Amino acid sequence: MLFFYVVRIFKNTWFSRFADKEGITDDELKEMANQLETGQTGANLGGGVYEAAMDKKYKSEVSMVNHQSAESLFRLGIIDADEMKEFDEGCLVQKPETNNASEKSLKMEHATA
């Protein structure tokens, strides 16, 4: 006998806003849920809560190697947090900046249309 089950994922308003701000797409969340479901990642914190890390998005393979080297130096205390922040800015794809005033005006225009 073969059983199938459906996993449903819910996002509350707070998390939706957080995900949008951090640039986390629904497809990335679905992939993370699949990995959790198959036991590939994450720690079970109890109560149906799991801890998982999203992959960093690098500008290029060279940026990835540079950033990983900088992380190692940071963990060893060779570079400080300010220098690590510079590596983050230079090597990682930056999260999109949101203009709250524009978003609010678009929502108001949509609501009045």
PDB file of N, CA and C in Angstrom:
ATOM      1  N   MET A   1       0.843  -1.173   0.000  1.00  0.00           N
ATOM      2  CA  MET A   1       0.000   0.000   0.000  1.00  0.00           C
ATOM      3  C   MET A   1       0.893   1.242   0.000  1.00  0.00           C
ATOM      4  N   LEU A   2       0.569   2.201  -0.817  1.00  0.00           N
ATOM      5  CA  LEU A   2       1.366   3.406  -0.975  1.00  0.00           C
ATOM      6  C   LEU A   2       0.579   4.595  -0.432  1.00  0.00           C
ATOM      7  N   PHE A   3       1.233   5.377   0.432  1.00  0.00           N
ATOM      8  CA  PHE A   3       0.584   6.552   1.019  1.00  0.00           C
ATOM      9  C   PHE A   3       1.244   7.820   0.509  1.00  0.00           C
ATOM     10  N   PHE A   4       0.435   8.803   0.236  1.00  0.00           N
ATOM     11  CA  PHE A   4       0.927  10.116  -0.144  1.00  0.00           C
ATOM     12  C   PHE A   4       0.423  11.124   0.876  1.00  0.00           C
ATOM     13  N   TYR A   5       1.227  12.100   1.149  1.00  0.00           N
ATOM     14  CA  TYR A   5       0.776  13.160   2.038  1.00  0.00           C
ATOM     15  C   TYR A   5       1.216  14.495   1.469  1.00  0.00           C
ATOM     16  N   VAL A   6       0.498  15.515   1.842  1.00  0.00           N
ATOM     17  CA  VAL A   6       0.754  16.855   1.339  1.00  0.00           C
ATOM     18  C   VAL A   6       1.284  17.702   2.481  1.00  0.00           C
ATOM     19  N   VAL A   7       2.370  18.407   2.226  1.00  0.00           N
ATOM     20  CA  VAL A   7       2.917  19.343   3.199  1.00  0.00           C
ATOM     21  C   VAL A   7       2.487  20.731   2.779  1.00  0.00           C
ATOM     22  N   ARG A   8       1.868  21.441   3.697  1.00  0.00           N
ATOM     23  CA  ARG A   8       1.446  22.805   3.395  1.00  0.00           C
ATOM     24  C   ARG A   8       2.318  23.765   4.188  1.00  0.00           C
ATOM     25  N   ILE A   9       2.692  24.838   3.528  1.00  0.00           N
ATOM     26  CA  ILE A   9       3.548  25.849   4.139  1.00  0.00           C
ATOM     27  C   ILE A   9       2.746  27.140   4.233  1.00  0.00           C
ATOM     28  N   PHE A  10       2.736  27.736   5.418  1.00  0.00           N
ATOM     29  CA  PHE A  10       2.011  28.982   5.618  1.00  0.00           C
ATOM     30  C   PHE A  10       2.980  30.084   5.998  1.00  0.00           C
ATOM     31  N   LYS A  11       2.730  31.279   5.461  1.00  0.00           N
ATOM     32  CA  LYS A  11       3.522  32.456   5.833  1.00  0.00           C
ATOM     33  C   LYS A  11       2.574  33.463   6.466  1.00  0.00           C
ATOM     34  N   ASN A  12       2.930  33.918   7.654  1.00  0.00           N
ATOM     35  CA  ASN A  12       2.120  34.977   8.249  1.00  0.00           C
ATOM     36  C   ASN A  12       2.579  36.329   7.707  1.00  0.00           C
ATOM     37  N   THR A  13       1.864  37.377   8.051  1.00  0.00           N
ATOM     38  CA  THR A  13       2.161  38.712   7.529  1.00  0.00           C
ATOM     39  C   THR A  13       3.566  39.144   7.887  1.00  0.00           C
ATOM     40  N   TRP A  14       3.960  38.918   9.142  1.00  0.00           N
ATOM     41  CA  TRP A  14       5.297  39.324   9.573  1.00  0.00           C
ATOM     42  C   TRP A  14       6.361  38.634   8.732  1.00  0.00           C
ATOM     43  N   PHE A  15       6.235  37.316   8.548  1.00  0.00           N
ATOM     44  CA  PHE A  15       7.253  36.590   7.803  1.00  0.00           C
ATOM     45  C   PHE A  15       7.250  36.984   6.329  1.00  0.00           C
ATOM     46  N   SER A  16       6.084  37.237   5.751  1.00  0.00           N
ATOM     47  CA  SER A  16       6.024  37.684   4.360  1.00  0.00           C
ATOM     48  C   SER A  16       6.799  38.973   4.173  1.00  0.00           C
ATOM     49  N   ARG A  17       6.618  39.910   5.090  1.00  0.00           N
ATOM     50  CA  ARG A  17       7.351  41.171   5.010  1.00  0.00           C
ATOM     51  C   ARG A  17       8.847  40.939   5.167  1.00  0.00           C
ATOM     52  N   PHE A  18       9.211  40.084   6.130  1.00  0.00           N
ATOM     53  CA  PHE A  18      10.621  39.762   6.364  1.00  0.00           C
ATOM     54  C   PHE A  18      11.234  39.133   5.109  1.00  0.00           C
ATOM     55  N   ALA A  19      10.554  38.154   4.523  1.00  0.00           N
ATOM     56  CA  ALA A  19      11.077  37.466   3.338  1.00  0.00           C
ATOM     57  C   ALA A  19      11.236  38.443   2.179  1.00  0.00           C
ATOM     58  N   ASP A  20      10.267  39.322   1.993  1.00  0.00           N
ATOM     59  CA  ASP A  20      10.369  40.318   0.922  1.00  0.00           C
ATOM     60  C   ASP A  20      11.567  41.229   1.150  1.00  0.00           C
ATOM     61  N   LYS A  21      11.736  41.677   2.374  1.00  0.00           N
ATOM     62  CA  LYS A  21      12.848  42.584   2.703  1.00  0.00           C
ATOM     63  C   LYS A  21      14.193  41.903   2.483  1.00  0.00           C
ATOM     64  N   GLU A  22      14.277  40.628   2.806  1.00  0.00           N
ATOM     65  CA  GLU A  22      15.533  39.885   2.681  1.00  0.00           C
ATOM     66  C   GLU A  22      15.740  39.293   1.288  1.00  0.00           C
ATOM     67  N   GLY A  23      14.761  39.445   0.418  1.00  0.00           N
ATOM     68  CA  GLY A  23      14.900  38.921  -0.939  1.00  0.00           C
ATOM     69  C   GLY A  23      14.750  37.416  -1.028  1.00  0.00           C
ATOM     70  N   ILE A  24      14.000  36.811  -0.111  1.00  0.00           N
ATOM     71  CA  ILE A  24      13.784  35.355  -0.105  1.00  0.00           C
ATOM     72  C   ILE A  24      12.526  35.067  -0.915  1.00  0.00           C
ATOM     73  N   THR A  25      12.668  34.292  -1.964  1.00  0.00           N
ATOM     74  CA  THR A  25      11.539  33.992  -2.838  1.00  0.00           C
ATOM     75  C   THR A  25      10.755  32.786  -2.331  1.00  0.00           C
ATOM     76  N   ASP A  26       9.525  32.638  -2.825  1.00  0.00           N
ATOM     77  CA  ASP A  26       8.717  31.476  -2.470  1.00  0.00           C
ATOM     78  C   ASP A  26       9.372  30.189  -2.950  1.00  0.00           C
ATOM     79  N   ASP A  27      10.022  30.231  -4.115  1.00  0.00           N
ATOM     80  CA  ASP A  27      10.709  29.037  -4.623  1.00  0.00           C
ATOM     81  C   ASP A  27      11.836  28.603  -3.684  1.00  0.00           C
ATOM     82  N   GLU A  28      12.569  29.583  -3.133  1.00  0.00           N
ATOM     83  CA  GLU A  28      13.630  29.250  -2.171  1.00  0.00           C
ATOM     84  C   GLU A  28      13.038  28.639  -0.903  1.00  0.00           C
ATOM     85  N   LEU A  29      11.905  29.157  -0.457  1.00  0.00           N
ATOM     86  CA  LEU A  29      11.254  28.585   0.723  1.00  0.00           C
ATOM     87  C   LEU A  29      10.773  27.168   0.462  1.00  0.00           C
ATOM     88  N   LYS A  30      10.220  26.933  -0.736  1.00  0.00           N
ATOM     89  CA  LYS A  30       9.769  25.582  -1.085  1.00  0.00           C
ATOM     90  C   LYS A  30      10.945  24.616  -1.108  1.00  0.00           C
ATOM     91  N   GLU A  31      12.075  25.050  -1.673  1.00  0.00           N
ATOM     92  CA  GLU A  31      13.266  24.201  -1.720  1.00  0.00           C
ATOM     93  C   GLU A  31      13.754  23.880  -0.308  1.00  0.00           C
ATOM     94  N   MET A  32      13.741  24.891   0.565  1.00  0.00           N
ATOM     95  CA  MET A  32      14.157  24.664   1.955  1.00  0.00           C
ATOM     96  C   MET A  32      13.206  23.677   2.646  1.00  0.00           C
ATOM     97  N   ALA A  33      11.907  23.803   2.383  1.00  0.00           N
ATOM     98  CA  ALA A  33      10.933  22.868   2.971  1.00  0.00           C
ATOM     99  C   ALA A  33      11.185  21.450   2.473  1.00  0.00           C
ATOM    100  N   ASN A  34      11.503  21.307   1.189  1.00  0.00           N
ATOM    101  CA  ASN A  34      11.821  19.977   0.648  1.00  0.00           C
ATOM    102  C   ASN A  34      13.059  19.395   1.312  1.00  0.00           C
ATOM    103  N   GLN A  35      14.069  20.223   1.534  1.00  0.00           N
ATOM    104  CA  GLN A  35      15.286  19.749   2.189  1.00  0.00           C
ATOM    105  C   GLN A  35      15.002  19.344   3.634  1.00  0.00           C
ATOM    106  N   LEU A  36      14.197  20.128   4.334  1.00  0.00           N
ATOM    107  CA  LEU A  36      13.836  19.781   5.709  1.00  0.00           C
ATOM    108  C   LEU A  36      13.046  18.473   5.752  1.00  0.00           C
ATOM    109  N   GLU A  37      12.124  18.327   4.812  1.00  0.00           N
ATOM    110  CA  GLU A  37      11.276  17.143   4.760  1.00  0.00           C
ATOM    111  C   GLU A  37      12.094  15.869   4.547  1.00  0.00           C
ATOM    112  N   THR A  38      13.143  15.966   3.740  1.00  0.00           N
ATOM    113  CA  THR A  38      13.973  14.786   3.458  1.00  0.00           C
ATOM    114  C   THR A  38      15.132  14.636   4.447  1.00  0.00           C
ATOM    115  N   GLY A  39      15.206  15.545   5.437  1.00  0.00           N
ATOM    116  CA  GLY A  39      16.239  15.437   6.457  1.00  0.00           C
ATOM    117  C   GLY A  39      17.610  15.881   5.993  1.00  0.00           C
ATOM    118  N   GLN A  40      17.681  16.663   4.922  1.00  0.00           N
ATOM    119  CA  GLN A  40      18.970  17.079   4.385  1.00  0.00           C
ATOM    120  C   GLN A  40      19.587  18.245   5.154  1.00  0.00           C
ATOM    121  N   THR A  41      18.793  18.999   5.880  1.00  0.00           N
ATOM    122  CA  THR A  41      19.326  20.173   6.561  1.00  0.00           C
ATOM    123  C   THR A  41      18.454  20.517   7.757  1.00  0.00           C
ATOM    124  N   GLY A  42      18.993  21.336   8.623  1.00  0.00           N
ATOM    125  CA  GLY A  42      18.198  21.895   9.713  1.00  0.00           C
ATOM    126  C   GLY A  42      18.264  21.098  10.998  1.00  0.00           C
ATOM    127  N   ALA A  43      18.032  21.807  12.089  1.00  0.00           N
ATOM    128  CA  ALA A  43      17.988  21.200  13.417  1.00  0.00           C
ATOM    129  C   ALA A  43      16.561  21.290  13.925  1.00  0.00           C
ATOM    130  N   ASN A  44      16.060  20.202  14.492  1.00  0.00           N
ATOM    131  CA  ASN A  44      14.722  20.187  15.049  1.00  0.00           C
ATOM    132  C   ASN A  44      14.753  20.877  16.405  1.00  0.00           C
ATOM    133  N   LEU A  45      14.088  22.028  16.494  1.00  0.00           N
ATOM    134  CA  LEU A  45      14.053  22.784  17.742  1.00  0.00           C
ATOM    135  C   LEU A  45      12.850  22.413  18.601  1.00  0.00           C
ATOM    136  N   GLY A  46      12.025  21.491  18.105  1.00  0.00           N
ATOM    137  CA  GLY A  46      10.842  21.055  18.841  1.00  0.00           C
ATOM    138  C   GLY A  46       9.611  21.853  18.445  1.00  0.00           C
ATOM    139  N   GLY A  47       8.456  21.256  18.663  1.00  0.00           N
ATOM    140  CA  GLY A  47       7.203  21.934  18.366  1.00  0.00           C
ATOM    141  C   GLY A  47       6.998  22.220  16.896  1.00  0.00           C
ATOM    142  N   GLY A  48       7.606  21.430  16.018  1.00  0.00           N
ATOM    143  CA  GLY A  48       7.457  21.646  14.583  1.00  0.00           C
ATOM    144  C   GLY A  48       8.289  22.798  14.050  1.00  0.00           C
ATOM    145  N   VAL A  49       9.248  23.285  14.851  1.00  0.00           N
ATOM    146  CA  VAL A  49      10.111  24.390  14.435  1.00  0.00           C
ATOM    147  C   VAL A  49      11.481  23.827  14.076  1.00  0.00           C
ATOM    148  N   TYR A  50      11.979  24.214  12.914  1.00  0.00           N
ATOM    149  CA  TYR A  50      13.286  23.759  12.439  1.00  0.00           C
ATOM    150  C   TYR A  50      14.167  24.957  12.142  1.00  0.00           C
ATOM    151  N   GLU A  51      15.443  24.784  12.384  1.00  0.00           N
ATOM    152  CA  GLU A  51      16.412  25.824  12.066  1.00  0.00           C
ATOM    153  C   GLU A  51      17.109  25.435  10.768  1.00  0.00           C
ATOM    154  N   ALA A  52      17.203  26.390   9.860  1.00  0.00           N
ATOM    155  CA  ALA A  52      17.862  26.131   8.589  1.00  0.00           C
ATOM    156  C   ALA A  52      18.487  27.426   8.102  1.00  0.00           C
ATOM    157  N   ALA A  53      19.563  27.309   7.349  1.00  0.00           N
ATOM    158  CA  ALA A  53      20.258  28.484   6.827  1.00  0.00           C
ATOM    159  C   ALA A  53      20.059  28.564   5.320  1.00  0.00           C
ATOM    160  N   MET A  54      19.822  29.767   4.838  1.00  0.00           N
ATOM    161  CA  MET A  54      19.713  29.992   3.398  1.00  0.00           C
ATOM    162  C   MET A  54      21.127  30.165   2.844  1.00  0.00           C
ATOM    163  N   ASP A  55      21.327  29.699   1.635  1.00  0.00           N
ATOM    164  CA  ASP A  55      22.626  29.871   0.992  1.00  0.00           C
ATOM    165  C   ASP A  55      22.879  31.343   0.700  1.00  0.00           C
ATOM    166  N   LYS A  56      24.142  31.732   0.822  1.00  0.00           N
ATOM    167  CA  LYS A  56      24.533  33.088   0.458  1.00  0.00           C
ATOM    168  C   LYS A  56      24.611  33.178  -1.056  1.00  0.00           C
ATOM    169  N   LYS A  57      24.300  34.345  -1.567  1.00  0.00           N
ATOM    170  CA  LYS A  57      24.366  34.562  -3.013  1.00  0.00           C
ATOM    171  C   LYS A  57      25.586  35.426  -3.306  1.00  0.00           C
ATOM    172  N   TYR A  58      26.539  34.838  -4.024  1.00  0.00           N
ATOM    173  CA  TYR A  58      27.788  35.522  -4.343  1.00  0.00           C
ATOM    174  C   TYR A  58      27.715  36.152  -5.723  1.00  0.00           C
ATOM    175  N   LYS A  59      28.504  37.207  -5.924  1.00  0.00           N
ATOM    176  CA  LYS A  59      28.548  37.888  -7.217  1.00  0.00           C
ATOM    177  C   LYS A  59      29.216  37.023  -8.279  1.00  0.00           C
ATOM    178  N   SER A  60      30.183  36.191  -7.875  1.00  0.00           N
ATOM    179  CA  SER A  60      30.892  35.317  -8.815  1.00  0.00           C
ATOM    180  C   SER A  60      31.585  34.215  -8.015  1.00  0.00           C
ATOM    181  N   GLU A  61      32.190  33.270  -8.714  1.00  0.00           N
ATOM    182  CA  GLU A  61      32.925  32.203  -8.025  1.00  0.00           C
ATOM    183  C   GLU A  61      34.150  32.768  -7.305  1.00  0.00           C
ATOM    184  N   VAL A  62      34.801  33.753  -7.916  1.00  0.00           N
ATOM    185  CA  VAL A  62      35.955  34.391  -7.273  1.00  0.00           C
ATOM    186  C   VAL A  62      35.510  35.089  -5.992  1.00  0.00           C
ATOM    187  N   SER A  63      34.358  35.757  -6.043  1.00  0.00           N
ATOM    188  CA  SER A  63      33.815  36.414  -4.849  1.00  0.00           C
ATOM    189  C   SER A  63      33.520  35.393  -3.754  1.00  0.00           C
ATOM    190  N   MET A  64      33.023  34.221  -4.154  1.00  0.00           N
ATOM    191  CA  MET A  64      32.723  33.174  -3.183  1.00  0.00           C
ATOM    192  C   MET A  64      33.991  32.736  -2.451  1.00  0.00           C
ATOM    193  N   VAL A  65      35.060  32.488  -3.207  1.00  0.00           N
ATOM    194  CA  VAL A  65      36.323  32.055  -2.597  1.00  0.00           C
ATOM    195  C   VAL A  65      36.881  33.138  -1.681  1.00  0.00           C
ATOM    196  N   ASN A  66      36.865  34.398  -2.162  1.00  0.00           N
ATOM    197  CA  ASN A  66      37.352  35.508  -1.336  1.00  0.00           C
ATOM    198  C   ASN A  66      36.557  35.630  -0.044  1.00  0.00           C
ATOM    199  N   HIS A  67      35.235  35.524  -0.148  1.00  0.00           N
ATOM    200  CA  HIS A  67      34.387  35.683   1.035  1.00  0.00           C
ATOM    201  C   HIS A  67      34.601  34.539   2.024  1.00  0.00           C
ATOM    202  N   GLN A  68      34.702  33.331   1.527  1.00  0.00           N
ATOM    203  CA  GLN A  68      34.930  32.185   2.418  1.00  0.00           C
ATOM    204  C   GLN A  68      36.273  32.308   3.125  1.00  0.00           C
ATOM    205  N   SER A  69      37.286  32.800   2.425  1.00  0.00           N
ATOM    206  CA  SER A  69      38.592  33.028   3.051  1.00  0.00           C
ATOM    207  C   SER A  69      38.479  34.093   4.142  1.00  0.00           C
ATOM    208  N   ALA A  70      37.745  35.173   3.837  1.00  0.00           N
ATOM    209  CA  ALA A  70      37.557  36.237   4.814  1.00  0.00           C
ATOM    210  C   ALA A  70      36.802  35.732   6.037  1.00  0.00           C
ATOM    211  N   GLU A  71      35.807  34.865   5.827  1.00  0.00           N
ATOM    212  CA  GLU A  71      35.071  34.301   6.965  1.00  0.00           C
ATOM    213  C   GLU A  71      36.003  33.506   7.872  1.00  0.00           C
ATOM    214  N   SER A  72      36.913  32.742   7.275  1.00  0.00           N
ATOM    215  CA  SER A  72      37.881  31.977   8.064  1.00  0.00           C
ATOM    216  C   SER A  72      38.787  32.913   8.863  1.00  0.00           C
ATOM    217  N   LEU A  73      39.261  33.975   8.216  1.00  0.00           N
ATOM    218  CA  LEU A  73      40.103  34.952   8.911  1.00  0.00           C
ATOM    219  C   LEU A  73      39.335  35.638  10.037  1.00  0.00           C
ATOM    220  N   PHE A  74      38.067  35.909   9.810  1.00  0.00           N
ATOM    221  CA  PHE A  74      37.226  36.541  10.835  1.00  0.00           C
ATOM    222  C   PHE A  74      37.057  35.615  12.041  1.00  0.00           C
ATOM    223  N   ARG A  75      36.781  34.334  11.769  1.00  0.00           N
ATOM    224  CA  ARG A  75      36.619  33.363  12.868  1.00  0.00           C
ATOM    225  C   ARG A  75      37.906  33.222  13.686  1.00  0.00           C
ATOM    226  N   LEU A  76      39.045  33.376  13.027  1.00  0.00           N
ATOM    227  CA  LEU A  76      40.335  33.278  13.720  1.00  0.00           C
ATOM    228  C   LEU A  76      40.728  34.582  14.424  1.00  0.00           C
ATOM    229  N   GLY A  77      39.960  35.644  14.187  1.00  0.00           N
ATOM    230  CA  GLY A  77      40.241  36.924  14.821  1.00  0.00           C
ATOM    231  C   GLY A  77      41.296  37.750  14.108  1.00  0.00           C
ATOM    232  N   ILE A  78      41.627  37.378  12.882  1.00  0.00           N
ATOM    233  CA  ILE A  78      42.651  38.095  12.131  1.00  0.00           C
ATOM    234  C   ILE A  78      42.082  39.379  11.521  1.00  0.00           C
ATOM    235  N   ILE A  79      40.807  39.341  11.106  1.00  0.00           N
ATOM    236  CA  ILE A  79      40.153  40.565  10.644  1.00  0.00           C
ATOM    237  C   ILE A  79      38.981  40.867  11.572  1.00  0.00           C
ATOM    238  N   ASP A  80      38.602  42.144  11.660  1.00  0.00           N
ATOM    239  CA  ASP A  80      37.516  42.537  12.565  1.00  0.00           C
ATOM    240  C   ASP A  80      36.183  42.611  11.817  1.00  0.00           C
ATOM    241  N   ALA A  81      35.132  42.951  12.550  1.00  0.00           N
ATOM    242  CA  ALA A  81      33.784  42.981  11.981  1.00  0.00           C
ATOM    243  C   ALA A  81      33.649  44.016  10.865  1.00  0.00           C
ATOM    244  N   ASP A  82      34.326  45.151  11.003  1.00  0.00           N
ATOM    245  CA  ASP A  82      34.250  46.178   9.958  1.00  0.00           C
ATOM    246  C   ASP A  82      34.849  45.672   8.646  1.00  0.00           C
ATOM    247  N   GLU A  83      35.980  44.974   8.741  1.00  0.00           N
ATOM    248  CA  GLU A  83      36.595  44.425   7.535  1.00  0.00           C
ATOM    249  C   GLU A  83      35.715  43.323   6.933  1.00  0.00           C
ATOM    250  N   MET A  84      35.084  42.523   7.796  1.00  0.00           N
ATOM    251  CA  MET A  84      34.196  41.467   7.301  1.00  0.00           C
ATOM    252  C   MET A  84      33.002  42.074   6.589  1.00  0.00           C
ATOM    253  N   LYS A  85      32.503  43.186   7.103  1.00  0.00           N
ATOM    254  CA  LYS A  85      31.381  43.867   6.466  1.00  0.00           C
ATOM    255  C   LYS A  85      31.762  44.346   5.064  1.00  0.00           C
ATOM    256  N   GLU A  86      33.009  44.815   4.907  1.00  0.00           N
ATOM    257  CA  GLU A  86      33.487  45.229   3.588  1.00  0.00           C
ATOM    258  C   GLU A  86      33.516  44.045   2.614  1.00  0.00           C
ATOM    259  N   PHE A  87      33.918  42.869   3.099  1.00  0.00           N
ATOM    260  CA  PHE A  87      33.901  41.675   2.260  1.00  0.00           C
ATOM    261  C   PHE A  87      32.470  41.309   1.896  1.00  0.00           C
ATOM    262  N   ASP A  88      31.544  41.433   2.862  1.00  0.00           N
ATOM    263  CA  ASP A  88      30.134  41.157   2.576  1.00  0.00           C
ATOM    264  C   ASP A  88      29.633  42.048   1.449  1.00  0.00           C
ATOM    265  N   GLU A  89      29.920  43.339   1.555  1.00  0.00           N
ATOM    266  CA  GLU A  89      29.450  44.294   0.557  1.00  0.00           C
ATOM    267  C   GLU A  89      30.089  44.058  -0.812  1.00  0.00           C
ATOM    268  N   GLY A  90      31.343  43.632  -0.826  1.00  0.00           N
ATOM    269  CA  GLY A  90      32.043  43.426  -2.082  1.00  0.00           C
ATOM    270  C   GLY A  90      31.776  42.091  -2.749  1.00  0.00           C
ATOM    271  N   CYS A  91      31.445  41.075  -1.955  1.00  0.00           N
ATOM    272  CA  CYS A  91      31.336  39.724  -2.499  1.00  0.00           C
ATOM    273  C   CYS A  91      29.906  39.188  -2.613  1.00  0.00           C
ATOM    274  N   LEU A  92      29.009  39.658  -1.772  1.00  0.00           N
ATOM    275  CA  LEU A  92      27.645  39.123  -1.759  1.00  0.00           C
ATOM    276  C   LEU A  92      26.722  39.985  -2.606  1.00  0.00           C
ATOM    277  N   VAL A  93      25.742  39.329  -3.209  1.00  0.00           N
ATOM    278  CA  VAL A  93      24.698  40.057  -3.928  1.00  0.00           C
ATOM    279  C   VAL A  93      23.879  40.785  -2.873  1.00  0.00           C
ATOM    280  N   GLN A  94      23.749  42.081  -3.039  1.00  0.00           N
ATOM    281  CA  GLN A  94      23.049  42.896  -2.044  1.00  0.00           C
ATOM    282  C   GLN A  94      21.548  42.700  -2.161  1.00  0.00           C
ATOM    283  N   LYS A  95      20.875  42.757  -1.026  1.00  0.00           N
ATOM    284  CA  LYS A  95      19.425  42.654  -1.001  1.00  0.00           C
ATOM    285  C   LYS A  95      18.836  43.891  -1.652  1.00  0.00           C
ATOM    286  N   PRO A  96      17.746  43.727  -2.367  1.00  0.00           N
ATOM    287  CA  PRO A  96      17.157  44.900  -3.024  1.00  0.00           C
ATOM    288  C   PRO A  96      16.664  45.912  -2.005  1.00  0.00           C
ATOM    289  N   GLU A  97      16.964  47.168  -2.272  1.00  0.00           N
ATOM    290  CA  GLU A  97      16.490  48.246  -1.405  1.00  0.00           C
ATOM    291  C   GLU A  97      15.038  48.514  -1.736  1.00  0.00           C
ATOM    292  N   THR A  98      14.230  48.659  -0.704  1.00  0.00           N
ATOM    293  CA  THR A  98      12.831  48.954  -0.934  1.00  0.00           C
ATOM    294  C   THR A  98      12.558  50.396  -0.562  1.00  0.00           C
ATOM    295  N   ASN A  99      11.731  51.010  -1.323  1.00  0.00           N
ATOM    296  CA  ASN A  99      11.322  52.381  -1.068  1.00  0.00           C
ATOM    297  C   ASN A  99       9.913  52.329  -0.499  1.00  0.00           C
ATOM    298  N   ASN A 100       9.794  52.422   0.825  1.00  0.00           N
ATOM    299  CA  ASN A 100       8.511  52.265   1.483  1.00  0.00           C
ATOM    300  C   ASN A 100       7.487  53.274   0.995  1.00  0.00           C
ATOM    301  N   ALA A 101       7.891  54.510   0.721  1.00  0.00           N
ATOM    302  CA  ALA A 101       6.944  55.526   0.253  1.00  0.00           C
ATOM    303  C   ALA A 101       6.347  55.114  -1.090  1.00  0.00           C
ATOM    304  N   SER A 102       7.184  54.582  -1.991  1.00  0.00           N
ATOM    305  CA  SER A 102       6.685  54.144  -3.298  1.00  0.00           C
ATOM    306  C   SER A 102       5.740  52.965  -3.143  1.00  0.00           C
ATOM    307  N   GLU A 103       6.094  52.011  -2.275  1.00  0.00           N
ATOM    308  CA  GLU A 103       5.240  50.849  -2.069  1.00  0.00           C
ATOM    309  C   GLU A 103       3.890  51.273  -1.521  1.00  0.00           C
ATOM    310  N   LYS A 104       3.885  52.197  -0.549  1.00  0.00           N
ATOM    311  CA  LYS A 104       2.630  52.647   0.040  1.00  0.00           C
ATOM    312  C   LYS A 104       1.774  53.353  -0.995  1.00  0.00           C
ATOM    313  N   SER A 105       2.391  54.186  -1.829  1.00  0.00           N
ATOM    314  CA  SER A 105       1.604  54.898  -2.832  1.00  0.00           C
ATOM    315  C   SER A 105       1.036  53.931  -3.865  1.00  0.00           C
ATOM    316  N   LEU A 106       1.816  52.898  -4.239  1.00  0.00           N
ATOM    317  CA  LEU A 106       1.304  51.918  -5.172  1.00  0.00           C
ATOM    318  C   LEU A 106       0.123  51.153  -4.575  1.00  0.00           C
ATOM    319  N   LYS A 107       0.225  50.793  -3.296  1.00  0.00           N
ATOM    320  CA  LYS A 107      -0.864  50.079  -2.633  1.00  0.00           C
ATOM    321  C   LYS A 107      -2.097  50.963  -2.561  1.00  0.00           C
ATOM    322  N   MET A 108      -1.928  52.255  -2.283  1.00  0.00           N
ATOM    323  CA  MET A 108      -3.065  53.162  -2.193  1.00  0.00           C
ATOM    324  C   MET A 108      -3.699  53.333  -3.566  1.00  0.00           C
ATOM    325  N   GLU A 109      -2.887  53.434  -4.627  1.00  0.00           N
ATOM    326  CA  GLU A 109      -3.433  53.561  -5.976  1.00  0.00           C
ATOM    327  C   GLU A 109      -4.214  52.312  -6.347  1.00  0.00           C
ATOM    328  N   HIS A 110      -3.668  51.138  -5.978  1.00  0.00           N
ATOM    329  CA  HIS A 110      -4.340  49.880  -6.264  1.00  0.00           C
ATOM    330  C   HIS A 110      -5.664  49.797  -5.503  1.00  0.00           C
ATOM    331  N   ALA A 111      -5.660  50.258  -4.266  1.00  0.00           N
ATOM    332  CA  ALA A 111      -6.858  50.169  -3.433  1.00  0.00           C
ATOM    333  C   ALA A 111      -7.956  51.098  -3.949  1.00  0.00           C
ATOM    334  N   THR A 112      -7.567  52.239  -4.520  1.00  0.00           N
ATOM    335  CA  THR A 112      -8.553  53.210  -4.989  1.00  0.00           C
ATOM    336  C   THR A 112      -9.010  52.923  -6.414  1.00  0.00           C
ATOM    337  N   ALA A 113      -8.256  52.087  -7.133  1.00  0.00           N
ATOM    338  CA  ALA A 113      -8.590  51.823  -8.545  1.00  0.00           C
ATOM    339  C   ALA A 113      -9.786  50.897  -8.673  1.00  0.00           C
TER     340      ALA A 113
END
